[in-house]
Amino acid sequence: MALKEKLQKLKSFNNPDSEIKKEEYKETWKNDVEKLIHTIMDKWFEDYGKNGLMTFELVNTKRAEPYIGEYLSTSLEISLSENKFLILEPVSGVTTEYDGKLEFYMRGNINKKATIIRQINNAESPKWLIVKSYETNDIQELNQASLEKIIEEWLQ
């Protein structure tokens, strides 16, 4: 995306006529995050939860963003053991390059962090991508295998 397109995207969120669009965008962002969290818990990692290898906790957090305002968001905390926790936290519903960003990290270890980004392509469901914070040129589609691979690396 060229600089002009990025600036136009940000400007469109400051247009007073776009308040309805902001609210729709915010609700879509919140719903997409909820769907992603439930996909992770209820589909991808369901067996781990049933076998007591992971426990899941949803944490509501109030967010305030310059482009879409205040809203209540949900983070996911995954407990792997008494001292290992993974966090999936929505960070921004609007970025210059993507249509939302979440951070996925192991609590207490700054090197074990990845960014999950949302891309909206027309009327389709959003496309989720994941990139390790230390390998920014390695963007992969977010799916069960890519998420499990990152967790495996972090547990080594």
Protein backbone atom coordinates (compact mmCIF):
# COMPACT_ATOMS: atom_id res chain seq x y z
CA MET A 1 0.00 0.00 0.00
CA ALA A 2 1.45 3.36 -1.02
CA LEU A 3 1.80 6.26 1.42
CA LYS A 4 -1.04 8.17 -0.24
CA GLU A 5 -3.43 5.23 0.22
CA LYS A 6 -2.43 4.82 3.86
CA LEU A 7 -3.02 8.50 4.56
CA GLN A 8 -6.37 8.43 2.75
CA LYS A 9 -7.45 5.43 4.83
CA LEU A 10 -6.63 7.22 8.09
CA LYS A 11 -8.30 10.43 6.90
CA SER A 12 -11.50 8.58 6.07
CA PHE A 13 -11.86 7.62 9.75
CA ASN A 14 -11.70 11.32 10.76
CA ASN A 15 -14.48 12.38 8.40
CA PRO A 16 -17.47 13.58 10.51
CA ASP A 17 -19.82 12.00 7.95
CA SER A 18 -18.35 8.57 8.66
CA GLU A 19 -19.64 8.15 12.25
CA ILE A 20 -22.04 5.39 11.16
CA LYS A 21 -19.27 3.67 9.24
CA LYS A 22 -17.03 3.91 12.33
CA GLU A 23 -19.66 2.20 14.47
CA GLU A 24 -20.21 -0.52 11.88
CA TYR A 25 -16.44 -1.02 11.55
CA LYS A 26 -16.02 -1.19 15.34
CA GLU A 27 -18.80 -3.78 15.68
CA THR A 28 -17.35 -5.84 12.83
CA TRP A 29 -13.89 -5.69 14.47
CA LYS A 30 -15.28 -6.82 17.83
CA ASN A 31 -17.28 -9.65 16.21
CA ASP A 32 -14.32 -10.83 14.14
CA VAL A 33 -12.10 -10.93 17.24
CA GLU A 34 -14.78 -12.90 19.13
CA LYS A 35 -15.10 -15.39 16.25
CA LEU A 36 -11.32 -15.84 16.11
CA ILE A 37 -11.10 -16.43 19.87
CA HIS A 38 -13.89 -19.00 19.76
CA THR A 39 -12.34 -20.71 16.75
CA ILE A 40 -9.11 -21.10 18.72
CA MET A 41 -10.81 -22.31 21.91
CA ASP A 42 -13.70 -24.35 20.53
CA LYS A 43 -12.19 -25.83 17.38
CA TRP A 44 -8.42 -25.68 17.11
CA PHE A 45 -7.56 -26.26 20.77
CA GLU A 46 -10.75 -28.03 21.89
CA ASP A 47 -8.96 -31.38 22.47
CA TYR A 48 -6.25 -29.71 24.55
CA GLY A 49 -8.93 -28.19 26.76
CA LYS A 50 -10.87 -31.45 27.10
CA ASN A 51 -7.69 -33.29 28.09
CA GLY A 52 -6.73 -30.70 30.71
CA LEU A 53 -3.65 -29.54 28.80
CA MET A 54 -4.95 -26.00 28.36
CA THR A 55 -7.48 -23.87 30.17
CA PHE A 56 -9.07 -20.78 28.67
CA GLU A 57 -10.20 -17.55 30.25
CA LEU A 58 -11.89 -14.62 28.54
CA VAL A 59 -10.99 -11.20 29.92
CA ASN A 60 -13.01 -8.10 29.04
CA THR A 61 -10.99 -4.94 28.56
CA LYS A 62 -12.08 -1.41 27.76
CA ARG A 63 -10.18 0.01 24.78
CA ALA A 64 -9.94 3.54 23.42
CA GLU A 65 -8.65 4.06 19.91
CA PRO A 66 -8.22 7.33 18.06
CA TYR A 67 -10.10 6.22 14.94
CA ILE A 68 -12.97 4.10 16.27
CA GLY A 69 -13.37 5.39 19.82
CA GLU A 70 -14.06 3.43 23.01
CA TYR A 71 -15.30 -0.11 23.10
CA LEU A 72 -15.30 -3.26 25.21
CA SER A 73 -12.96 -5.90 23.86
CA THR A 74 -12.17 -9.49 24.81
CA SER A 75 -8.72 -10.99 25.33
CA LEU A 76 -7.98 -14.69 25.60
CA GLU A 77 -5.70 -16.11 28.28
CA ILE A 78 -4.54 -19.69 27.75
CA SER A 79 -3.00 -21.45 30.75
CA LEU A 80 -0.58 -24.21 29.83
CA SER A 81 0.55 -24.92 33.37
CA GLU A 82 0.80 -23.10 36.66
CA ASN A 83 3.49 -20.79 35.29
CA LYS A 84 3.04 -20.66 31.49
CA PHE A 85 0.38 -18.39 30.02
CA LEU A 86 -0.37 -17.37 26.43
CA ILE A 87 -2.25 -14.14 25.79
CA LEU A 88 -4.19 -13.13 22.68
CA GLU A 89 -4.94 -9.44 23.01
CA PRO A 90 -6.63 -7.11 20.52
CA VAL A 91 -4.46 -4.02 20.12
CA SER A 92 -5.89 -1.92 17.32
CA GLY A 93 -8.91 -2.14 15.07
CA VAL A 94 -7.32 0.23 12.56
CA THR A 95 -3.76 0.29 11.27
CA THR A 96 -2.33 1.92 8.17
CA GLU A 97 -1.62 -1.43 6.50
CA TYR A 98 -4.21 -3.84 7.88
CA ASP A 99 -7.76 -3.92 9.17
CA GLY A 100 -6.88 -4.73 12.75
CA LYS A 101 -4.09 -6.17 14.85
CA LEU A 102 -3.81 -8.49 17.85
CA GLU A 103 -0.74 -9.44 19.87
CA PHE A 104 -0.15 -13.07 20.79
CA TYR A 105 2.55 -13.65 23.39
CA MET A 106 3.81 -15.74 26.25
CA ARG A 107 3.46 -13.74 29.43
CA GLY A 108 6.80 -12.82 30.97
CA ASN A 109 8.94 -13.52 27.91
CA ILE A 110 9.45 -10.61 25.53
CA ASN A 111 11.04 -12.79 22.83
CA LYS A 112 7.95 -15.00 22.56
CA LYS A 113 5.58 -12.70 20.72
CA ALA A 114 3.71 -12.70 17.41
CA THR A 115 1.36 -10.29 15.70
CA ILE A 116 -1.94 -11.43 14.24
CA ILE A 117 -3.34 -9.17 11.56
CA ARG A 118 -6.75 -9.00 9.93
CA GLN A 119 -7.29 -8.31 6.25
CA ILE A 120 -10.73 -7.59 4.90
CA ASN A 121 -11.26 -8.58 1.27
CA ASN A 122 -14.57 -7.24 -0.01
CA ALA A 123 -17.58 -9.01 1.55
CA GLU A 124 -15.69 -12.20 2.39
CA SER A 125 -14.82 -13.31 5.88
CA PRO A 126 -11.63 -11.65 7.09
CA LYS A 127 -8.29 -13.27 6.39
CA TRP A 128 -6.10 -13.69 9.48
CA LEU A 129 -2.31 -13.69 9.17
CA ILE A 130 0.40 -14.26 11.76
CA VAL A 131 3.94 -12.94 11.84
CA LYS A 132 6.59 -13.54 14.49
CA SER A 133 7.85 -10.27 15.93
CA TYR A 134 11.47 -11.25 15.26
CA GLU A 135 10.85 -12.48 11.69
CA THR A 136 8.71 -9.75 10.16
CA ASN A 137 9.24 -11.02 6.62
CA ASP A 138 7.69 -14.41 7.49
CA ILE A 139 3.94 -13.76 7.24
CA GLN A 140 1.79 -16.90 7.28
CA GLU A 141 -1.91 -17.60 7.15
CA LEU A 142 -3.24 -18.07 10.66
CA ASN A 143 -4.57 -21.58 11.15
CA GLN A 144 -4.31 -24.34 13.73
CA ALA A 145 -1.01 -25.65 12.37
CA SER A 146 0.71 -22.25 12.24
CA LEU A 147 -0.43 -21.38 15.77
CA GLU A 148 0.61 -24.77 17.17
CA LYS A 149 4.01 -24.45 15.49
CA ILE A 150 4.69 -21.11 17.16
CA ILE A 151 3.64 -22.43 20.57
CA GLU A 152 5.89 -25.48 20.12
CA GLU A 153 8.84 -23.19 19.33
CA TRP A 154 8.13 -21.10 22.40
CA LEU A 155 8.06 -24.17 24.67
CA GLN A 156 11.49 -25.42 23.57
